[in-house]
Amino acid sequence: MTRLREARVAKGLNQREASEASHTPQAIVSALERGVLKPWPKVAERLSKALGVPAEQLFPEDRERIVEKVRQ
């Protein structure tokens, strides 16, 4: 289970609710949870805010790329 999915489930949200809260298409949330896509920095930031978890914790394997892009 990905950290994104763990955070979503811990918050009590299904994928649709998480996608609405983060203004991210449900297909993208699903693909990120399955590891099919790498998160874009802005998507990681929106999901982070919606779930109340830092983006680098949601996507630890992409931490450097996400943190660097969000700072720019």
C-alpha atoms as a PDB file:
ATOM      1  CA  MET A   1       0.000   0.000   0.000  1.00  0.00           C
ATOM      2  CA  THR A   2       1.408   3.397  -0.971  1.00  0.00           C
ATOM      3  CA  ARG A   3       1.743   6.189   1.542  1.00  0.00           C
ATOM      4  CA  LEU A   4      -0.758   8.170  -0.484  1.00  0.00           C
ATOM      5  CA  ARG A   5      -3.353   5.445  -0.056  1.00  0.00           C
ATOM      6  CA  GLU A   6      -2.499   5.034   3.630  1.00  0.00           C
ATOM      7  CA  ALA A   7      -3.007   8.762   4.206  1.00  0.00           C
ATOM      8  CA  ARG A   8      -6.255   8.797   2.240  1.00  0.00           C
ATOM      9  CA  VAL A   9      -7.668   5.827   4.133  1.00  0.00           C
ATOM     10  CA  ALA A  10      -6.515   7.266   7.486  1.00  0.00           C
ATOM     11  CA  LYS A  11      -8.404  10.470   6.640  1.00  0.00           C
ATOM     12  CA  GLY A  12     -11.501   8.350   5.913  1.00  0.00           C
ATOM     13  CA  LEU A  13     -11.760   9.346   2.261  1.00  0.00           C
ATOM     14  CA  ASN A  14     -12.406   7.267  -0.813  1.00  0.00           C
ATOM     15  CA  GLN A  15     -10.597   8.088  -4.056  1.00  0.00           C
ATOM     16  CA  ARG A  16     -13.443  10.231  -5.350  1.00  0.00           C
ATOM     17  CA  GLU A  17     -13.524  12.330  -2.185  1.00  0.00           C
ATOM     18  CA  ALA A  18      -9.743  12.730  -2.197  1.00  0.00           C
ATOM     19  CA  SER A  19      -9.818  13.758  -5.839  1.00  0.00           C
ATOM     20  CA  GLU A  20     -12.510  16.350  -5.168  1.00  0.00           C
ATOM     21  CA  ALA A  21     -10.727  17.717  -2.095  1.00  0.00           C
ATOM     22  CA  SER A  22      -7.470  18.065  -4.013  1.00  0.00           C
ATOM     23  CA  HIS A  23      -8.970  19.164  -7.352  1.00  0.00           C
ATOM     24  CA  THR A  24      -7.189  16.231  -8.989  1.00  0.00           C
ATOM     25  CA  PRO A  25      -8.883  13.807 -11.391  1.00  0.00           C
ATOM     26  CA  GLN A  26      -9.773  10.506  -9.759  1.00  0.00           C
ATOM     27  CA  ALA A  27      -7.903   8.629 -12.492  1.00  0.00           C
ATOM     28  CA  ILE A  28      -4.708  10.467 -11.461  1.00  0.00           C
ATOM     29  CA  VAL A  29      -5.229   9.643  -7.764  1.00  0.00           C
ATOM     30  CA  SER A  30      -5.781   5.999  -8.696  1.00  0.00           C
ATOM     31  CA  ALA A  31      -2.693   5.878 -10.931  1.00  0.00           C
ATOM     32  CA  LEU A  32      -0.542   7.497  -8.230  1.00  0.00           C
ATOM     33  CA  GLU A  33      -1.777   4.993  -5.648  1.00  0.00           C
ATOM     34  CA  ARG A  34      -0.955   2.124  -7.986  1.00  0.00           C
ATOM     35  CA  GLY A  35       2.476   3.540  -8.730  1.00  0.00           C
ATOM     36  CA  VAL A  36       1.720   3.870 -12.440  1.00  0.00           C
ATOM     37  CA  LEU A  37       2.477   7.611 -12.448  1.00  0.00           C
ATOM     38  CA  LYS A  38       5.041   9.776 -10.726  1.00  0.00           C
ATOM     39  CA  PRO A  39       3.455  12.796  -9.049  1.00  0.00           C
ATOM     40  CA  TRP A  40       3.741  16.221 -10.603  1.00  0.00           C
ATOM     41  CA  PRO A  41       4.846  18.733  -7.956  1.00  0.00           C
ATOM     42  CA  LYS A  42       1.591  20.722  -8.063  1.00  0.00           C
ATOM     43  CA  VAL A  43      -0.500  17.551  -7.782  1.00  0.00           C
ATOM     44  CA  ALA A  44       1.620  16.377  -4.850  1.00  0.00           C
ATOM     45  CA  GLU A  45       1.104  19.765  -3.201  1.00  0.00           C
ATOM     46  CA  ARG A  46      -2.690  19.672  -3.693  1.00  0.00           C
ATOM     47  CA  LEU A  47      -2.949  16.117  -2.347  1.00  0.00           C
ATOM     48  CA  SER A  48      -0.724  17.066   0.568  1.00  0.00           C
ATOM     49  CA  LYS A  49      -3.019  19.934   1.543  1.00  0.00           C
ATOM     50  CA  ALA A  50      -6.175  17.864   1.096  1.00  0.00           C
ATOM     51  CA  LEU A  51      -4.859  15.003   3.236  1.00  0.00           C
ATOM     52  CA  GLY A  52      -2.945  17.081   5.781  1.00  0.00           C
ATOM     53  CA  VAL A  53       0.310  15.209   5.179  1.00  0.00           C
ATOM     54  CA  PRO A  54       3.548  16.722   3.806  1.00  0.00           C
ATOM     55  CA  ALA A  55       4.105  15.883   0.133  1.00  0.00           C
ATOM     56  CA  GLU A  56       7.537  14.412   0.845  1.00  0.00           C
ATOM     57  CA  GLN A  57       5.863  11.917   3.197  1.00  0.00           C
ATOM     58  CA  LEU A  58       3.208  10.986   0.648  1.00  0.00           C
ATOM     59  CA  PHE A  59       5.808  10.404  -2.071  1.00  0.00           C
ATOM     60  CA  PRO A  60       9.123   9.662  -0.303  1.00  0.00           C
ATOM     61  CA  GLU A  61      10.701   8.123  -3.408  1.00  0.00           C
ATOM     62  CA  ASP A  62      10.108  11.392  -5.297  1.00  0.00           C
ATOM     63  CA  ARG A  63      10.925  13.703  -2.391  1.00  0.00           C
ATOM     64  CA  GLU A  64      13.824  15.592  -3.955  1.00  0.00           C
ATOM     65  CA  ARG A  65      12.008  16.264  -7.221  1.00  0.00           C
ATOM     66  CA  ILE A  66       8.800  17.372  -5.495  1.00  0.00           C
ATOM     67  CA  VAL A  67      10.435  19.593  -2.888  1.00  0.00           C
ATOM     68  CA  GLU A  68      12.691  21.291  -5.443  1.00  0.00           C
ATOM     69  CA  LYS A  69       9.837  22.057  -7.862  1.00  0.00           C
ATOM     70  CA  VAL A  70       7.478  23.336  -5.152  1.00  0.00           C
ATOM     71  CA  ARG A  71      10.179  25.743  -3.919  1.00  0.00           C
ATOM     72  CA  GLN A  72      10.553  27.228  -7.414  1.00  0.00           C
END
